[in-house]
Protein backbone atom coordinates (compact mmCIF):
# COMPACT_ATOMS: atom_id res chain seq x y z
CA MET A 1 -0.22 0.06 0.00
CA PRO A 2 1.43 3.55 -0.83
CA GLN A 3 2.43 5.57 2.19
CA THR A 4 0.66 8.47 3.12
CA PRO A 5 3.31 11.66 2.58
CA LEU A 6 4.06 13.59 5.66
CA ALA A 7 3.36 17.32 5.04
CA ILE A 8 5.32 20.13 6.40
CA THR A 9 4.95 23.84 6.02
CA ALA A 10 8.10 26.03 4.42
CA ALA A 11 8.58 27.39 8.10
CA GLU A 12 8.91 23.82 9.37
CA GLY A 13 11.16 22.97 6.65
CA ARG A 14 13.32 26.03 7.43
CA ARG A 15 13.57 25.15 11.01
CA LEU A 16 14.74 21.70 10.11
CA ILE A 17 17.30 22.94 7.56
CA LEU A 18 18.84 25.48 9.75
CA HIS A 19 19.32 22.49 12.56
CA LEU A 20 20.88 20.38 9.79
CA ASN A 21 23.23 23.09 8.73
CA GLY A 22 24.38 24.05 12.36
CA LEU A 23 22.58 27.45 12.50
CA SER A 24 20.06 26.79 15.31
CA GLY A 25 22.13 27.02 18.37
CA SER A 26 23.81 29.61 20.00
CA PRO A 27 27.54 30.11 18.24
CA LYS A 28 28.65 30.96 21.77
CA GLY A 29 30.86 28.69 23.86
CA ARG A 30 34.54 27.03 23.72
CA MET A 31 35.93 25.54 20.55
CA ASN A 32 38.55 22.80 20.29
CA GLY A 33 39.97 20.49 17.67
CA SER A 34 37.59 17.62 18.64
CA ALA A 35 34.43 19.94 18.66
CA LEU A 36 35.36 21.46 15.30
CA LEU A 37 35.92 17.97 13.99
CA ALA A 38 32.40 16.90 14.94
CA LEU A 39 31.12 20.23 13.38
CA ILE A 40 32.73 19.52 10.17
CA GLU A 41 31.36 15.94 10.20
CA HIS A 42 27.93 17.33 10.97
CA LEU A 43 27.91 19.18 7.93
CA GLY A 44 29.76 16.63 5.56
CA PHE A 45 32.08 18.97 4.38
CA VAL A 46 33.09 22.53 4.28
CA GLN A 47 33.92 24.38 0.82
CA LEU A 48 37.05 26.15 0.02
CA ASP A 49 37.46 29.39 -1.52
CA SER A 50 40.44 31.41 -2.48
CA VAL A 51 38.41 34.96 -2.40
CA GLN A 52 39.30 36.88 0.79
CA VAL A 53 37.04 39.83 0.82
CA VAL A 54 36.55 39.77 4.70
CA ALA A 55 37.75 36.33 5.33
CA ARG A 56 38.19 33.09 3.29
CA ALA A 57 34.69 31.55 2.80
CA HIS A 58 35.45 28.23 4.88
CA HIS A 59 36.60 30.13 7.85
CA MET A 60 33.69 32.29 7.99
CA ILE A 61 31.28 29.00 7.48
CA LEU A 62 32.84 27.64 10.54
CA PHE A 63 32.76 31.11 12.36
CA ALA A 64 29.10 31.65 11.66
CA ARG A 65 28.41 28.47 13.81
CA ALA A 66 31.04 28.60 16.32
CA ALA A 67 32.39 31.94 17.48
CA GLY A 68 35.03 30.30 19.25
CA TYR A 69 36.49 28.93 16.13
CA ARG A 70 39.88 30.02 15.01
CA PRO A 71 41.83 29.38 11.69
CA ALA A 72 44.66 27.77 13.55
CA MET A 73 42.28 24.96 14.77
CA LEU A 74 41.07 24.09 11.16
CA ARG A 75 45.12 23.99 10.20
CA ARG A 76 46.00 21.54 12.93
CA LEU A 77 43.19 18.94 11.99
CA ILE A 78 44.57 19.29 8.36
CA GLU A 79 48.25 19.28 8.45
CA ARG A 80 48.67 17.74 11.94
CA GLU A 81 46.36 15.45 12.96
CA ARG A 82 45.22 14.60 9.54
CA ASP A 83 41.56 14.33 10.61
CA LEU A 84 40.71 16.26 7.54
CA PHE A 85 41.52 15.99 3.70
CA GLU A 86 41.19 18.23 0.84
CA HIS A 87 39.54 17.08 -2.05
CA TRP A 88 36.31 17.65 -4.48
CA THR A 89 32.50 17.59 -3.77
CA HIS A 90 30.85 19.90 -6.26
CA ASP A 91 33.78 22.07 -5.48
CA ALA A 92 37.14 22.03 -3.74
CA ALA A 93 36.31 21.13 0.08
CA ILE A 94 37.77 20.09 3.48
CA ILE A 95 36.03 16.67 4.19
CA PRO A 96 36.17 14.46 7.14
CA THR A 97 39.43 11.84 6.85
CA ALA A 98 37.24 9.02 7.99
CA LEU A 99 35.17 9.40 4.80
CA TYR A 100 38.38 9.07 2.36
CA PRO A 101 37.56 5.28 1.67
CA TYR A 102 34.31 6.74 -0.34
CA TRP A 103 36.73 9.02 -2.04
CA ARG A 104 38.80 6.17 -3.12
CA HIS A 105 35.85 4.41 -4.58
CA GLY A 106 34.96 7.96 -6.30
CA PHE A 107 38.42 8.03 -7.68
CA ALA A 108 38.07 4.62 -9.46
CA ARG A 109 34.50 5.65 -10.91
CA GLN A 110 35.83 8.89 -12.33
CA ARG A 111 39.43 7.99 -13.49
CA ASP A 112 38.25 7.15 -17.07
CA ALA A 113 36.67 10.19 -17.63
CA LEU A 114 39.13 12.34 -15.92
CA THR A 115 42.13 11.00 -17.89
CA LYS A 116 40.14 11.71 -21.03
CA ARG A 117 39.67 15.08 -19.93
CA PHE A 118 43.19 15.80 -18.76
CA ARG A 119 44.78 13.90 -21.71
CA LYS A 120 42.89 16.19 -24.17
CA TRP A 121 43.71 19.80 -21.84
CA HIS A 122 47.47 18.55 -21.92
CA GLY A 123 47.97 17.08 -25.45
CA PRO A 124 50.79 14.59 -26.54
CA GLY A 125 52.96 13.39 -23.66
CA PHE A 126 50.48 13.45 -20.98
CA GLU A 127 51.56 9.88 -19.88
CA ASP A 128 55.34 10.86 -19.63
CA ALA A 129 54.39 14.09 -17.63
CA ILE A 130 52.67 11.94 -15.03
CA GLU A 131 55.58 9.57 -14.50
CA GLN A 132 57.91 12.37 -14.30
CA VAL A 133 55.96 14.14 -11.81
CA LEU A 134 55.49 10.87 -9.55
CA ALA A 135 59.22 10.29 -9.82
CA HIS A 136 59.96 13.97 -8.73
CA LEU A 137 57.68 13.57 -5.78
CA GLU A 138 59.07 10.11 -4.74
CA THR A 139 62.69 11.55 -4.78
CA HIS A 140 62.20 15.26 -3.64
CA GLY A 141 58.99 15.30 -1.72
CA ALA A 142 55.91 17.77 -1.50
CA VAL A 143 55.92 20.24 -4.16
CA MET A 144 53.32 22.94 -5.47
CA SER A 145 52.56 23.82 -9.26
CA ARG A 146 55.21 26.87 -9.21
CA ASP A 147 57.95 24.49 -8.43
CA PHE A 148 57.57 23.54 -12.25
CA ALA A 149 57.25 27.23 -13.17
CA ASN A 150 60.24 27.06 -15.81
CA PRO A 151 58.55 27.37 -19.39
CA ARG A 152 61.05 25.12 -21.24
CA LYS A 153 60.52 21.96 -22.78
CA PRO A 154 62.14 18.58 -21.56
CA GLY A 155 65.76 18.60 -22.82
CA GLN A 156 66.01 22.43 -23.35
CA ALA A 157 68.57 24.39 -20.76
CA GLY A 158 67.32 25.48 -17.53
CA GLY A 159 64.28 23.44 -17.43
CA TRP A 160 62.52 20.03 -18.17
CA TRP A 161 59.03 20.68 -18.72
CA GLU A 162 56.61 23.75 -19.63
CA TRP A 163 54.59 24.53 -16.13
CA ASN A 164 51.19 23.63 -17.89
CA ASP A 165 52.47 20.21 -18.03
CA GLY A 166 53.41 20.07 -14.18
CA LYS A 167 50.43 21.71 -13.19
CA THR A 168 48.06 19.45 -15.28
CA ALA A 169 50.04 16.44 -13.91
CA LEU A 170 49.52 17.59 -10.49
CA GLU A 171 45.97 18.29 -10.39
CA TYR A 172 45.33 14.65 -12.55
CA LEU A 173 47.18 12.79 -10.08
CA TRP A 174 45.46 14.69 -7.00
CA ARG A 175 41.98 14.43 -8.83
CA THR A 176 42.56 10.37 -9.01
CA GLY A 177 44.01 9.86 -5.82
CA ARG A 178 47.60 9.31 -6.25
CA LEU A 179 48.32 12.54 -4.54
CA ALA A 180 46.91 14.37 -1.56
CA ILE A 181 47.20 17.89 -0.35
CA ALA A 182 49.59 17.88 2.40
CA ARG A 183 48.85 21.52 3.45
CA ARG A 184 48.46 25.11 1.78
CA ARG A 185 51.00 27.90 1.93
CA GLY A 186 49.58 31.35 0.59
CA PHE A 187 46.53 29.44 -0.34
CA GLN A 188 48.46 27.47 -2.94
CA LYS A 189 48.28 23.87 -2.75
CA VAL A 190 51.28 21.88 -1.59
CA TYR A 191 51.24 18.38 -3.37
CA ASP A 192 52.55 14.80 -1.79
CA LEU A 193 52.10 11.35 -2.23
CA ALA A 194 48.59 10.10 -0.76
CA GLU A 195 50.53 7.64 1.38
CA ARG A 196 52.55 10.54 3.00
CA VAL A 197 49.31 12.45 3.68
CA ILE A 198 46.13 10.20 4.28
CA PRO A 199 46.49 7.89 7.47
CA GLU A 200 46.96 4.04 6.37
CA PRO A 201 43.44 2.82 8.00
CA ALA A 202 41.40 5.59 5.70
CA ARG A 203 43.76 5.11 2.90
CA ASN A 204 43.32 1.40 2.36
CA GLY A 205 39.45 1.21 3.06
CA GLU A 206 37.50 -0.59 0.41
CA VAL A 207 33.90 -0.06 -0.23
CA SER A 208 31.36 -1.86 -2.73
CA ASP A 209 29.73 0.26 -5.29
CA ASP A 210 26.39 -0.50 -3.71
CA THR A 211 27.94 0.80 -0.35
CA PHE A 212 29.04 3.56 -2.17
CA ILE A 213 25.73 4.67 -3.59
CA ASP A 214 23.71 4.06 -0.27
CA TRP A 215 26.41 6.01 1.50
CA ALA A 216 26.18 9.00 -0.65
CA CYS A 217 22.32 8.89 -0.60
CA GLN A 218 21.81 8.26 3.03
CA GLY A 219 24.59 10.70 4.06
CA ALA A 220 23.03 13.34 1.61
CA LEU A 221 19.38 13.04 2.96
CA GLU A 222 21.02 13.12 6.69
CA ARG A 223 22.00 16.43 6.24
CA LEU A 224 19.56 17.77 3.59
CA GLY A 225 16.30 16.35 5.40
CA PHE A 226 14.39 15.97 2.27
CA GLY A 227 15.23 16.78 -1.38
CA THR A 228 14.51 15.54 -4.88
CA PRO A 229 16.85 12.84 -6.34
CA GLY A 230 18.97 15.62 -8.05
CA GLU A 231 19.50 17.39 -4.99
CA ILE A 232 20.57 14.21 -2.99
CA ALA A 233 23.09 13.46 -5.96
CA ALA A 234 24.34 16.72 -6.13
CA PHE A 235 25.25 16.97 -2.11
CA TRP A 236 28.52 15.28 -2.62
CA GLY A 237 28.47 15.45 -6.29
CA MET A 238 29.86 11.72 -6.83
CA ILE A 239 26.72 9.84 -8.09
CA THR A 240 24.22 10.60 -10.67
CA THR A 241 20.51 11.60 -10.20
CA ALA A 242 19.43 8.32 -11.95
CA GLU A 243 21.37 6.39 -9.45
CA ALA A 244 19.82 8.44 -6.38
CA LYS A 245 16.18 8.32 -7.74
CA ALA A 246 16.73 4.42 -8.20
CA TRP A 247 18.03 4.17 -4.48
CA CYS A 248 15.18 6.40 -3.03
CA GLU A 249 12.56 3.69 -4.88
CA ARG A 250 14.51 0.88 -3.61
CA ARG A 251 14.99 2.16 0.05
CA MET A 252 11.10 3.72 0.15
CA GLY A 253 9.66 2.76 3.49
CA ASP A 254 12.90 1.80 4.85
CA ALA A 255 15.51 4.70 4.65
CA VAL A 256 13.06 7.10 2.71
CA ILE A 257 9.47 8.20 2.97
CA PRO A 258 7.50 10.69 0.80
CA MET A 259 7.01 14.18 2.11
CA ASP A 260 5.11 16.99 0.88
CA VAL A 261 7.07 20.63 1.45
CA GLY A 262 5.31 23.94 1.27
CA ALA A 263 6.92 27.00 -0.35
CA ALA A 264 7.78 30.43 1.10
CA ASP A 265 5.47 32.12 -1.57
CA GLY A 266 2.51 29.93 -0.76
CA ALA A 267 2.86 27.77 -3.98
CA LYS A 268 1.35 24.10 -4.18
CA PRO A 269 3.63 21.98 -1.83
CA ARG A 270 6.15 19.99 -3.70
CA ARG A 271 6.33 16.05 -3.21
CA LEU A 272 9.87 15.37 -2.42
CA PHE A 273 12.02 12.24 -0.49
CA ALA A 274 12.75 12.41 3.26
CA ARG A 275 14.65 10.72 5.63
CA ALA A 276 12.74 7.91 7.43
CA ASP A 277 13.22 9.55 10.82
CA ILE A 278 12.17 12.85 9.47
CA ALA A 279 9.46 13.22 11.99
CA GLU A 280 11.92 12.79 15.10
CA ALA A 281 14.25 15.04 13.33
CA LEU A 282 11.59 17.81 13.10
CA ALA A 283 10.81 17.38 16.57
CA VAL A 284 14.48 17.84 18.07
CA ALA A 285 14.98 20.90 15.65
CA PRO A 286 14.90 24.00 17.88
CA LYS A 287 13.41 27.50 17.13
CA PRO A 288 16.48 29.57 15.75
CA PRO A 289 17.69 32.34 17.78
CA GLY A 290 16.51 35.78 17.00
CA ARG A 291 20.21 36.90 16.79
CA MET A 292 21.59 38.22 13.54
CA ARG A 293 24.40 36.24 11.28
CA VAL A 294 26.56 36.86 8.65
CA ILE A 295 26.23 34.06 5.88
CA ASN A 296 29.10 33.82 3.29
CA PRO A 297 28.00 33.55 -0.02
CA PHE A 298 29.62 29.83 -0.15
CA ASP A 299 27.99 28.83 2.69
CA PRO A 300 25.94 25.38 2.63
CA LEU A 301 22.74 27.29 3.70
CA LEU A 302 22.97 29.04 0.26
CA ARG A 303 24.51 26.61 -2.22
CA ASP A 304 21.23 25.16 -3.77
CA ARG A 305 19.38 28.08 -5.20
CA LYS A 306 16.49 26.88 -6.18
CA ARG A 307 15.99 25.25 -2.91
CA LEU A 308 16.76 28.34 -1.12
CA ALA A 309 14.07 30.25 -3.10
CA ARG A 310 11.40 27.54 -2.56
CA LEU A 311 11.77 27.62 1.26
CA PHE A 312 13.60 31.31 2.29
CA GLY A 313 11.81 33.16 -0.50
CA PHE A 314 15.25 34.33 -0.93
CA ASP A 315 16.61 34.86 -4.29
CA PHE A 316 20.58 34.86 -3.89
CA ARG A 317 23.21 35.05 -6.83
CA ILE A 318 27.06 35.36 -6.50
CA GLU A 319 27.95 38.06 -8.79
CA ILE A 320 31.61 37.82 -8.98
CA PHE A 321 31.84 36.69 -12.64
CA VAL A 322 28.93 39.30 -13.44
CA PRO A 323 30.31 42.41 -15.22
CA ALA A 324 30.20 45.48 -12.79
CA ALA A 325 27.54 47.47 -14.66
CA GLN A 326 25.15 44.32 -14.74
CA ARG A 327 25.52 43.74 -10.86
CA ARG A 328 22.61 43.83 -8.95
CA TYR A 329 24.22 44.08 -5.43
CA GLY A 330 28.15 43.48 -5.55
CA TYR A 331 31.01 41.89 -6.34
CA TYR A 332 30.76 39.71 -3.15
CA VAL A 333 27.86 40.22 -0.94
CA PHE A 334 26.75 38.33 2.30
CA ALA A 335 23.54 37.25 3.16
CA LEU A 336 21.92 38.39 6.72
CA LEU A 337 20.23 35.62 8.71
CA GLU A 338 17.85 36.57 11.58
CA GLY A 339 15.89 33.84 13.08
CA ASP A 340 14.61 31.58 10.46
CA ARG A 341 14.54 34.30 7.73
CA LEU A 342 17.19 35.62 5.43
CA VAL A 343 16.38 39.18 6.00
CA GLY A 344 18.86 41.09 3.94
CA ARG A 345 22.39 41.48 2.22
CA ILE A 346 25.34 43.38 3.05
CA ASP A 347 28.37 44.43 0.83
CA MET A 348 31.35 44.81 3.14
CA LYS A 349 35.20 44.11 2.91
CA ALA A 350 38.23 44.06 5.33
CA ASP A 351 39.77 47.35 4.65
CA ARG A 352 43.15 46.27 6.01
CA PRO A 353 44.70 49.86 5.55
CA ARG A 354 42.31 51.57 7.64
CA ASP A 355 41.90 48.65 10.06
CA GLN A 356 38.22 48.40 9.74
CA LEU A 357 35.50 46.53 8.40
CA ALA A 358 33.78 48.64 5.66
CA VAL A 359 30.20 48.44 4.94
CA ALA A 360 29.43 49.71 1.47
CA ALA A 361 25.71 48.58 0.95
CA LEU A 362 23.07 46.96 3.04
CA TRP A 363 19.46 45.53 1.24
CA MET A 364 16.95 44.91 3.49
CA GLU A 365 14.44 42.28 1.98
CA PRO A 366 11.10 43.50 0.69
CA GLY A 367 8.71 44.48 3.28
CA LEU A 368 11.58 44.53 5.83
CA ARG A 369 12.89 47.64 7.88
CA LEU A 370 16.20 48.26 9.83
CA THR A 371 14.62 48.96 13.03
CA PRO A 372 16.40 50.20 15.75
CA ALA A 373 16.41 46.57 17.30
CA ARG A 374 17.52 44.89 14.17
CA ARG A 375 20.26 47.80 13.50
CA LYS A 376 21.66 46.62 17.15
CA ARG A 377 21.62 43.07 16.37
CA LEU A 378 23.38 43.83 12.89
CA GLU A 379 26.06 45.69 14.80
CA THR A 380 26.68 43.37 17.68
CA GLU A 381 27.26 40.61 14.84
CA LEU A 382 29.57 42.90 12.66
CA ASN A 383 31.50 43.59 15.85
CA ARG A 384 31.93 39.93 16.33
CA LEU A 385 33.16 39.46 12.86
CA ARG A 386 35.72 42.34 12.97
CA ARG A 387 37.14 40.73 16.04
CA PHE A 388 37.29 37.65 14.39
CA THR A 389 39.50 39.17 11.46
CA GLY A 390 41.52 41.19 13.65
CA LEU A 391 40.19 44.97 12.71
CA ALA A 392 39.90 47.67 15.12
CA ARG A 393 36.29 48.99 13.89
CA VAL A 394 33.29 48.89 11.77
CA ARG A 395 32.64 51.77 9.35
CA PHE A 396 29.42 52.55 7.76
CA ALA A 397 29.55 54.33 4.26
CA ASP A 398 27.38 57.36 3.82
CA GLY A 399 24.15 56.34 2.24
CA TYR A 400 24.81 52.71 2.98
CA LEU A 401 21.12 51.89 3.37
CA LYS A 402 19.87 51.00 -0.14
CA ARG A 403 16.42 50.13 -1.45
CA ASP A 404 16.37 46.72 -3.28
CA GLY A 405 15.00 47.17 -6.85
């Protein structure tokens, strides 16, 4: 007999999503390495990004959830404890090392496609470059791509390959699991042989294809709460939508139940797949605090734009690659979370020469005002952020408050 779908409102969906994203509790309190690792395991991974307008994305993602977080804690877990490693989900990310066996399986799944792609980019001599890079690493240890920056061909005086050869080979070997990122220096990757970076138990872990798909779908649903097969597949970026759909259908009534989820704009509820314990998860999800939080553009809360619009009624776009004249808001604009709603967006940067967090513009969402109480909550959050980034003051530009549209 078909199972009667559980029905929830958009507000209930938001409450659950914020809880699963680690944004329902107070960020106050002490933070140590084990607590940080537990937070990242709860999220699944944390996206890396090189842009540093205020602070880099991964640091802001973690700080929004734990005010006691400091970058040195993350660096220790990656570089010394090896409890985290860097690889690819939908983008570059920091991932718990306990999950490395699943990435090993992913390497095997993707190797043929990646080999074809990298060989096309590189051109003739691809295999030779691979072997030369491996030989260099085995003899000399960890390298950065700039170590191969001499633009001369093999056999020419002063260099033994073009920079592109070395860079392409390093990236291919990393993406297919022969190499790992040992650390970063100035945000540049330092590559080494995987056996020198990844601890032995994780490095040699094996999983079957069925186990891999089950983990990918189950792990995604645990963190999403509910979603379409496409959303489930996209969470880790390691399986296909067809595989996720088949898994949901196969595990219906066991790991998965149907759910009708309302929309923030009052549109017709949408039938989705939910984790089987969704009712229990909803019951323990607390009401989010009313405080304000700055949410980085690469935060997992903002990642799926369609899902974000459906549940939060918030239309968000990163405009880094949009020509300046065509930007609606700005180059790198942060969202503002208050309670269970995204109430606005803010354009700001760390102005190091003037030792200040400089706010250029603020847009409240339609129908909302920057009341005195909301302004106080915003200032409190910005002061937390400027202390985290080591700045002396917050400065609002003249005319910073804008009208949307």
